[in-house]
Amino acid sequence: MRRIFFVLFVTGSLLAQQQQPTDARGWINLGVKAYKNQQFNEAIDDFEKAIRLEATNVNAHLYLGTAFLSTHIPGVQSPENSAAADHARTEFLRVIELDPGNLMALSSLANLSLQDASGIQDENAKHIKLDESRDWFLKVLQIDPRNRDAMYSVGVVDWMKWYPNFMAARAKAGMKPEDPGPLRDTAARADLRAKYGPVVEDGISNLRKAFDIDPNYSDTMAYLNLLYRERADISDSPEQYRSDMAEAEQWFQKALVARKSQVTTLSPPPPPPPPDGRSMVPNRIRVGGIVQAANLTHKVDPIYPQLALQARVQGTVRFTVIIGKDGTVLNLQLISGHPLLVQAAQDAVRQWTYRPTLLNGDPVEVVTQVDVEFKLPFRNNN
């Protein structure tokens, strides 16, 4: 009996060894299979084995970077998430060393920098990341001048650099997001034109080029609608204001037509937009956790789980949260936290409500990070 068991064990070990790939291509194929099954950690391990066998294999580095990127949650600030982004960036940079014209690696690096910028609160640091993203997109365009997504993204980067400063100036002038322009403070208008006028013009130019590449790309029209309205708000000329607003309205109408044409016959018709065209904005934006916390209007504290108290467990539970246009929590995804604390944190956060977030006067969904802290009650042993 022992002999039979030994023979079966040896036979099984030999078969397992035979099933292991012996070259980089074999490990890549295994990694691709794992990746398609959303087994990202297993895919990462397979691609790393391929690279150990063939360090200059472009596809292995490209796949490895993509697998790391799949484990990264944009906008979430955590050591694990940052490490995933760093690993992905390292692999894409290695691809560029081996194949300088690799469009997938260049686009991935551009989008990584753009995602990094979305999670940064400091404006100077954010601008550095936005410029880095823009430079990568421009490298894509050097190789593929008709790349619609890269051209569109350069325009969006311009808008991201300009928009917070524009809204800050409106707030300082006592204007609500929904108030019509132009900006009331003449000096502020002049200051914004001097600092960000070229950025606005560049954004309009790039978005127009993206439109020329794909006249049915409704997102391009939506951002052109925004930029023309915002350029009108910093104009000193009534004629220029009226001209820009008319141009914005044209892009708004074009976007409506484009979006209707993209709706299948089985889809219900979209609700009619307000007449000023301010509904043509991105449906969801990312906001830092600290900033979004200031909009919290109803907070329910979690009930400390009895088992966690008994086990003397404390710590922070972290979620990525999607907040609806009405300020209610639509969805939350666990990032980290002790298992004994997670359910209580979820039950509390689902009851939170926020002030609706407005973008150019219209409510939008928000993606943000929420931390729920559990601290053990102080025990006086005296």
Protein backbone atom coordinates (compact mmCIF):
# COMPACT_ATOMS: atom_id res chain seq x y z
CA MET A 1 0.00 0.00 0.00
CA ARG A 2 2.79 2.39 0.87
CA ARG A 3 4.53 1.52 -2.41
CA ILE A 4 1.37 2.32 -4.38
CA PHE A 5 0.99 5.65 -2.57
CA PHE A 6 4.63 6.49 -3.25
CA VAL A 7 4.25 5.68 -6.96
CA LEU A 8 1.10 7.81 -7.20
CA PHE A 9 2.81 10.69 -5.38
CA VAL A 10 5.86 10.58 -7.68
CA THR A 11 3.67 10.27 -10.77
CA GLY A 12 1.58 13.25 -9.68
CA SER A 13 4.68 15.34 -8.96
CA LEU A 14 6.12 14.52 -12.38
CA LEU A 15 2.86 15.44 -14.11
CA ALA A 16 2.75 18.75 -12.19
CA GLN A 17 6.31 19.49 -13.24
CA GLN A 18 5.48 18.66 -16.85
CA GLN A 19 2.55 21.08 -16.78
CA GLN A 20 4.80 23.95 -15.69
CA PRO A 21 5.88 26.10 -18.66
CA THR A 22 9.54 26.01 -19.56
CA ASP A 23 9.70 29.27 -21.50
CA ALA A 24 8.49 32.86 -21.22
CA ARG A 25 5.75 32.40 -23.79
CA GLY A 26 4.23 29.56 -21.77
CA TRP A 27 4.13 31.65 -18.58
CA ILE A 28 2.64 34.56 -20.51
CA ASN A 29 -0.14 32.32 -21.82
CA LEU A 30 -0.86 31.12 -18.29
CA GLY A 31 -0.86 34.71 -17.04
CA VAL A 32 -3.26 35.82 -19.75
CA LYS A 33 -5.61 32.98 -18.80
CA ALA A 34 -5.47 33.96 -15.12
CA TYR A 35 -5.99 37.62 -16.03
CA LYS A 36 -9.10 36.81 -18.07
CA ASN A 37 -10.45 34.97 -15.04
CA GLN A 38 -9.74 38.10 -12.94
CA GLN A 39 -7.11 36.21 -10.93
CA PHE A 40 -4.82 39.21 -11.00
CA ASN A 41 -2.33 38.14 -8.32
CA GLU A 42 -1.84 34.80 -10.03
CA ALA A 43 -1.42 36.59 -13.36
CA ILE A 44 1.20 38.89 -11.83
CA ASP A 45 3.13 35.86 -10.56
CA ASP A 46 3.00 34.20 -14.00
CA PHE A 47 4.16 37.31 -15.85
CA GLU A 48 7.01 37.82 -13.38
CA LYS A 49 8.17 34.26 -14.03
CA ALA A 50 8.11 34.99 -17.76
CA ILE A 51 10.31 38.04 -17.22
CA ARG A 52 12.79 36.04 -15.15
CA LEU A 53 13.18 33.72 -18.13
CA GLU A 54 13.26 36.51 -20.73
CA ALA A 55 13.95 39.94 -19.28
CA THR A 56 13.57 41.80 -22.59
CA ASN A 57 10.18 40.36 -23.51
CA VAL A 58 8.06 43.46 -24.22
CA ASN A 59 4.74 41.64 -23.94
CA ALA A 60 5.62 40.18 -20.55
CA HIS A 61 6.36 43.65 -19.14
CA LEU A 62 3.27 45.09 -20.81
CA TYR A 63 1.00 42.38 -19.44
CA LEU A 64 2.58 42.66 -15.99
CA GLY A 65 2.00 46.41 -15.91
CA THR A 66 -1.60 45.90 -17.00
CA ALA A 67 -2.16 43.27 -14.29
CA PHE A 68 -0.79 45.60 -11.61
CA LEU A 69 -2.98 48.38 -12.99
CA SER A 70 -6.03 46.14 -12.65
CA THR A 71 -5.41 45.91 -8.89
CA HIS A 72 -5.18 49.71 -8.59
CA ILE A 73 -8.23 51.75 -7.52
CA PRO A 74 -7.99 55.28 -8.97
CA GLY A 75 -8.09 58.07 -6.40
CA VAL A 76 -7.71 55.84 -3.35
CA GLN A 77 -4.86 56.81 -1.04
CA SER A 78 -3.36 53.73 0.62
CA PRO A 79 0.11 52.13 0.71
CA GLU A 80 -1.13 49.04 -1.14
CA ASN A 81 -2.83 51.07 -3.82
CA SER A 82 0.19 53.32 -4.30
CA ALA A 83 2.43 50.26 -4.57
CA ALA A 84 0.23 48.79 -7.31
CA ALA A 85 0.43 52.04 -9.28
CA ASP A 86 4.21 52.24 -8.80
CA HIS A 87 4.70 48.65 -9.98
CA ALA A 88 2.52 49.29 -13.02
CA ARG A 89 4.43 52.48 -13.85
CA THR A 90 7.79 50.68 -13.55
CA GLU A 91 6.69 48.00 -16.02
CA PHE A 92 5.30 50.50 -18.55
CA LEU A 93 8.51 52.53 -18.37
CA ARG A 94 10.46 49.34 -19.03
CA VAL A 95 8.29 48.74 -22.09
CA ILE A 96 9.14 52.24 -23.34
CA GLU A 97 12.86 51.46 -22.90
CA LEU A 98 12.47 48.34 -25.03
CA ASP A 99 9.91 49.75 -27.46
CA PRO A 100 9.80 53.60 -27.42
CA GLY A 101 6.76 53.75 -29.70
CA ASN A 102 4.52 51.40 -27.74
CA LEU A 103 1.18 53.21 -27.69
CA MET A 104 -0.39 51.06 -25.01
CA ALA A 105 2.44 51.75 -22.56
CA LEU A 106 2.44 55.47 -23.36
CA SER A 107 -1.35 55.72 -22.92
CA SER A 108 -1.20 53.74 -19.67
CA LEU A 109 1.47 56.06 -18.25
CA ALA A 110 -0.61 59.08 -19.26
CA ASN A 111 -3.71 57.72 -17.58
CA LEU A 112 -1.80 56.72 -14.46
CA SER A 113 -0.56 60.29 -14.02
CA LEU A 114 -4.08 61.57 -14.63
CA GLN A 115 -5.44 59.23 -11.95
CA ASP A 116 -2.71 60.35 -9.56
CA ALA A 117 -3.70 63.97 -10.12
CA SER A 118 -7.33 63.21 -9.28
CA GLY A 119 -6.36 62.11 -5.79
CA ILE A 120 -4.16 65.12 -4.93
CA GLN A 121 -5.58 68.05 -2.97
CA ASP A 122 -2.61 70.42 -3.19
CA GLU A 123 -3.05 72.45 -6.38
CA ASN A 124 0.67 72.80 -7.14
CA ALA A 125 1.29 69.07 -6.78
CA LYS A 126 -1.82 68.34 -8.81
CA HIS A 127 -0.63 70.59 -11.65
CA ILE A 128 2.70 68.76 -11.75
CA LYS A 129 0.89 65.45 -12.23
CA LEU A 130 -1.47 66.96 -14.80
CA ASP A 131 1.49 68.31 -16.79
CA GLU A 132 3.13 64.88 -16.57
CA SER A 133 -0.05 63.27 -17.91
CA ARG A 134 -0.29 65.84 -20.69
CA ASP A 135 3.30 65.17 -21.77
CA TRP A 136 2.60 61.43 -22.09
CA PHE A 137 -0.55 62.07 -24.12
CA LEU A 138 1.41 64.38 -26.41
CA LYS A 139 3.93 61.55 -26.98
CA VAL A 140 1.03 59.36 -28.03
CA LEU A 141 -0.02 62.05 -30.50
CA GLN A 142 3.50 62.30 -31.92
CA ILE A 143 3.19 58.67 -32.96
CA ASP A 144 -0.53 58.67 -33.72
CA PRO A 145 -1.69 62.23 -34.55
CA ARG A 146 -5.27 61.04 -35.11
CA ASN A 147 -5.63 59.38 -31.71
CA ARG A 148 -8.99 60.71 -30.61
CA ASP A 149 -8.73 59.70 -26.97
CA ALA A 150 -5.29 61.26 -26.50
CA MET A 151 -6.38 64.53 -28.13
CA TYR A 152 -9.54 64.62 -26.01
CA SER A 153 -7.56 63.85 -22.85
CA VAL A 154 -5.17 66.75 -23.43
CA GLY A 155 -8.21 69.03 -23.59
CA VAL A 156 -9.63 67.55 -20.40
CA VAL A 157 -6.30 68.05 -18.63
CA ASP A 158 -6.44 71.73 -19.59
CA TRP A 159 -9.94 71.95 -18.16
CA MET A 160 -8.86 70.24 -14.91
CA LYS A 161 -6.06 72.77 -14.45
CA TRP A 162 -8.34 75.73 -15.02
CA TYR A 163 -11.70 74.79 -13.49
CA PRO A 164 -10.87 74.75 -9.72
CA ASN A 165 -9.35 78.24 -9.98
CA PHE A 166 -12.37 79.49 -11.90
CA MET A 167 -14.78 78.12 -9.28
CA ALA A 168 -12.67 79.53 -6.45
CA ALA A 169 -12.87 83.00 -8.03
CA ARG A 170 -16.65 82.71 -8.38
CA ALA A 171 -17.00 81.64 -4.75
CA LYS A 172 -14.81 84.51 -3.60
CA ALA A 173 -17.06 86.90 -5.53
CA GLY A 174 -20.07 85.52 -3.68
CA MET A 175 -21.46 83.68 -6.70
CA LYS A 176 -23.17 80.31 -6.39
CA PRO A 177 -22.26 77.58 -8.93
CA GLU A 178 -25.63 78.02 -10.64
CA ASP A 179 -25.41 81.86 -10.89
CA PRO A 180 -25.07 83.18 -14.46
CA GLY A 181 -21.95 85.03 -15.55
CA PRO A 182 -19.92 86.98 -16.20
CA LEU A 183 -17.69 86.90 -13.12
CA ARG A 184 -18.62 89.94 -11.05
CA ASP A 185 -15.13 90.88 -9.91
CA THR A 186 -13.41 92.76 -12.77
CA ALA A 187 -9.93 92.32 -11.27
CA ALA A 188 -10.53 88.59 -10.82
CA ARG A 189 -11.59 88.30 -14.46
CA ALA A 190 -8.39 89.97 -15.58
CA ASP A 191 -6.28 87.79 -13.29
CA LEU A 192 -7.88 84.57 -14.56
CA ARG A 193 -7.44 85.64 -18.18
CA ALA A 194 -3.76 86.38 -17.59
CA LYS A 195 -3.02 83.13 -15.74
CA TYR A 196 -5.34 80.67 -17.41
CA GLY A 197 -6.48 82.25 -20.68
CA PRO A 198 -3.86 80.27 -22.69
CA VAL A 199 -4.89 77.05 -20.88
CA VAL A 200 -8.54 77.61 -21.81
CA GLU A 201 -7.61 78.36 -25.43
CA ASP A 202 -5.43 75.26 -25.60
CA GLY A 203 -8.25 73.15 -24.18
CA ILE A 204 -10.71 74.46 -26.76
CA SER A 205 -8.20 73.87 -29.55
CA ASN A 206 -7.48 70.27 -28.56
CA LEU A 207 -11.11 69.40 -28.02
CA ARG A 208 -11.96 70.82 -31.44
CA LYS A 209 -9.26 68.60 -32.95
CA ALA A 210 -10.72 65.60 -31.15
CA PHE A 211 -14.11 66.54 -32.60
CA ASP A 212 -12.60 66.72 -36.08
CA ILE A 213 -11.26 63.20 -35.61
CA ASP A 214 -14.61 61.87 -34.35
CA PRO A 215 -17.62 64.17 -34.92
CA ASN A 216 -19.85 61.79 -32.94
CA TYR A 217 -17.84 61.89 -29.70
CA SER A 218 -20.37 63.55 -27.39
CA ASP A 219 -17.98 63.91 -24.42
CA THR A 220 -15.82 66.22 -26.53
CA MET A 221 -18.84 68.43 -27.22
CA ALA A 222 -19.78 68.46 -23.53
CA TYR A 223 -16.37 69.81 -22.50
CA LEU A 224 -16.41 72.37 -25.34
CA ASN A 225 -19.77 73.53 -24.03
CA LEU A 226 -18.20 74.01 -20.59
CA LEU A 227 -15.05 75.77 -21.76
CA TYR A 228 -16.92 78.25 -23.96
CA ARG A 229 -19.30 79.12 -21.12
CA GLU A 230 -16.41 79.54 -18.73
CA ARG A 231 -14.43 81.65 -21.21
CA ALA A 232 -17.50 83.85 -21.53
CA ASP A 233 -17.53 84.34 -17.75
CA ILE A 234 -14.06 85.93 -17.76
CA SER A 235 -14.65 88.13 -20.80
CA ASP A 236 -14.63 91.93 -20.43
CA SER A 237 -16.50 92.41 -23.69
CA PRO A 238 -20.30 92.01 -23.75
CA GLU A 239 -20.03 91.07 -27.42
CA GLN A 240 -17.45 88.36 -26.66
CA TYR A 241 -19.61 87.10 -23.80
CA ARG A 242 -22.63 86.73 -26.08
CA SER A 243 -20.53 85.12 -28.81
CA ASP A 244 -19.03 82.52 -26.46
CA MET A 245 -22.40 81.72 -24.91
CA ALA A 246 -23.88 81.22 -28.37
CA GLU A 247 -20.97 78.95 -29.29
CA ALA A 248 -21.47 76.98 -26.07
CA GLU A 249 -25.15 76.56 -26.87
CA GLN A 250 -24.27 75.15 -30.30
CA TRP A 251 -21.96 72.56 -28.76
CA PHE A 252 -24.63 71.75 -26.22
CA GLN A 253 -27.16 71.07 -28.96
CA LYS A 254 -24.63 68.99 -30.92
CA ALA A 255 -23.93 66.92 -27.84
CA LEU A 256 -27.65 66.31 -27.35
CA VAL A 257 -28.01 65.06 -30.91
CA ALA A 258 -24.91 62.87 -30.61
CA ARG A 259 -26.05 61.33 -27.35
CA LYS A 260 -29.53 60.63 -28.71
CA SER A 261 -28.02 58.87 -31.72
CA GLN A 262 -25.98 56.67 -29.38
CA VAL A 263 -29.10 55.49 -27.50
CA THR A 264 -30.49 52.19 -28.75
CA THR A 265 -34.16 51.84 -29.64
CA LEU A 266 -34.65 49.75 -26.48
CA SER A 267 -33.42 52.53 -24.22
CA PRO A 268 -35.82 55.10 -22.75
CA PRO A 269 -35.40 58.65 -24.08
CA PRO A 270 -33.17 60.90 -21.93
CA PRO A 271 -34.94 63.56 -19.80
CA PRO A 272 -35.06 67.03 -21.35
CA PRO A 273 -32.11 69.22 -20.26
CA PRO A 274 -32.47 72.68 -18.73
CA PRO A 275 -32.47 75.44 -21.35
CA ASP A 276 -29.09 76.87 -20.36
CA GLY A 277 -27.19 73.74 -21.37
CA ARG A 278 -25.40 73.29 -18.07
CA SER A 279 -26.43 69.63 -17.86
CA MET A 280 -23.81 68.72 -20.45
CA VAL A 281 -21.12 67.92 -17.88
CA PRO A 282 -19.35 64.70 -16.85
CA ASN A 283 -21.75 62.43 -14.93
CA ARG A 284 -19.25 61.61 -12.16
CA ILE A 285 -16.24 63.36 -10.66
CA ARG A 286 -13.64 62.34 -8.10
CA VAL A 287 -13.31 64.37 -4.90
CA GLY A 288 -10.74 63.93 -2.14
CA GLY A 289 -11.97 62.47 1.13
CA ILE A 290 -11.12 65.54 3.22
CA VAL A 291 -12.92 67.88 0.81
CA GLN A 292 -16.00 65.68 0.55
CA ALA A 293 -16.20 65.28 4.34
CA ALA A 294 -17.03 68.99 4.58
CA ASN A 295 -20.24 68.27 2.61
CA LEU A 296 -21.45 65.62 5.08
CA THR A 297 -24.87 66.64 6.42
CA HIS A 298 -26.00 63.49 8.22
CA LYS A 299 -23.54 61.11 9.85
CA VAL A 300 -24.42 57.93 11.68
CA ASP A 301 -21.75 56.67 14.05
CA PRO A 302 -21.05 52.94 13.84
CA ILE A 303 -22.05 50.63 16.66
CA TYR A 304 -18.89 49.09 18.08
CA PRO A 305 -19.25 45.31 17.56
CA GLN A 306 -19.30 43.42 20.84
CA LEU A 307 -16.86 40.80 19.56
CA ALA A 308 -14.41 43.54 18.55
CA LEU A 309 -14.67 45.06 22.02
CA GLN A 310 -14.04 41.72 23.64
CA ALA A 311 -11.07 41.06 21.37
CA ARG A 312 -9.74 44.61 21.99
CA VAL A 313 -9.75 45.31 18.24
CA GLN A 314 -9.58 48.89 16.99
CA GLY A 315 -8.51 50.59 13.77
CA THR A 316 -9.73 52.24 10.57
CA VAL A 317 -12.05 50.78 7.93
CA ARG A 318 -11.55 52.42 4.52
CA PHE A 319 -13.98 52.45 1.61
CA THR A 320 -14.24 53.83 -1.90
CA VAL A 321 -17.70 55.39 -1.95
CA ILE A 322 -19.95 56.55 -4.77
CA ILE A 323 -22.30 59.35 -3.71
CA GLY A 324 -25.39 59.98 -5.81
CA LYS A 325 -26.54 63.26 -7.27
CA ASP A 326 -28.95 63.63 -4.35
CA GLY A 327 -26.16 63.16 -1.79
CA THR A 328 -27.03 59.61 -0.74
CA VAL A 329 -24.53 56.74 -0.72
CA LEU A 330 -25.06 54.56 -3.79
CA ASN A 331 -22.21 52.12 -3.43
CA LEU A 332 -19.19 51.42 -1.26
CA GLN A 333 -16.23 49.12 -1.85
CA LEU A 334 -13.97 47.92 0.93
CA ILE A 335 -10.30 48.87 0.65
CA SER A 336 -9.02 47.79 4.05
CA GLY A 337 -10.13 47.12 7.61
CA HIS A 338 -10.36 44.46 10.29
CA PRO A 339 -13.05 41.86 9.50
CA LEU A 340 -14.69 42.35 12.90
CA LEU A 341 -15.20 46.05 12.15
CA VAL A 342 -16.19 46.06 8.47
CA GLN A 343 -19.89 45.25 8.73
CA ALA A 344 -20.55 47.87 11.40
CA ALA A 345 -18.73 50.48 9.31
CA GLN A 346 -20.73 49.55 6.21
CA ASP A 347 -24.04 49.75 8.07
CA ALA A 348 -23.18 53.25 9.30
CA VAL A 349 -21.83 54.74 6.05
CA ARG A 350 -24.81 53.54 4.02
CA GLN A 351 -26.94 55.92 6.12
CA TRP A 352 -24.75 58.99 5.56
CA THR A 353 -25.96 61.84 3.38
CA TYR A 354 -24.09 64.72 1.77
CA ARG A 355 -24.90 68.04 0.19
CA PRO A 356 -25.28 67.46 -3.55
CA THR A 357 -22.12 68.28 -5.49
CA LEU A 358 -22.64 70.73 -8.35
CA LEU A 359 -20.48 70.97 -11.45
CA ASN A 360 -21.25 74.07 -13.49
CA GLY A 361 -24.61 74.24 -11.74
CA ASP A 362 -25.67 70.62 -12.24
CA PRO A 363 -25.59 67.80 -9.66
CA VAL A 364 -23.08 65.03 -10.37
CA GLU A 365 -22.13 61.75 -8.76
CA VAL A 366 -18.97 61.75 -6.66
CA VAL A 367 -16.33 59.08 -6.09
CA THR A 368 -14.47 59.62 -2.82
CA GLN A 369 -12.70 57.86 0.03
CA VAL A 370 -14.29 57.38 3.44
CA ASP A 371 -12.46 56.34 6.60
CA VAL A 372 -14.38 55.04 9.61
CA GLU A 373 -12.36 54.94 12.83
CA PHE A 374 -12.96 52.60 15.72
CA LYS A 375 -11.23 53.50 19.01
CA LEU A 376 -11.52 51.38 22.09
CA PRO A 377 -13.07 53.22 25.05
CA PHE A 378 -10.57 54.44 27.63
CA ARG A 379 -10.25 52.14 30.61
CA ASN A 380 -9.12 53.58 33.93
CA ASN A 381 -7.39 50.83 35.88
CA ASN A 382 -6.92 52.94 39.01
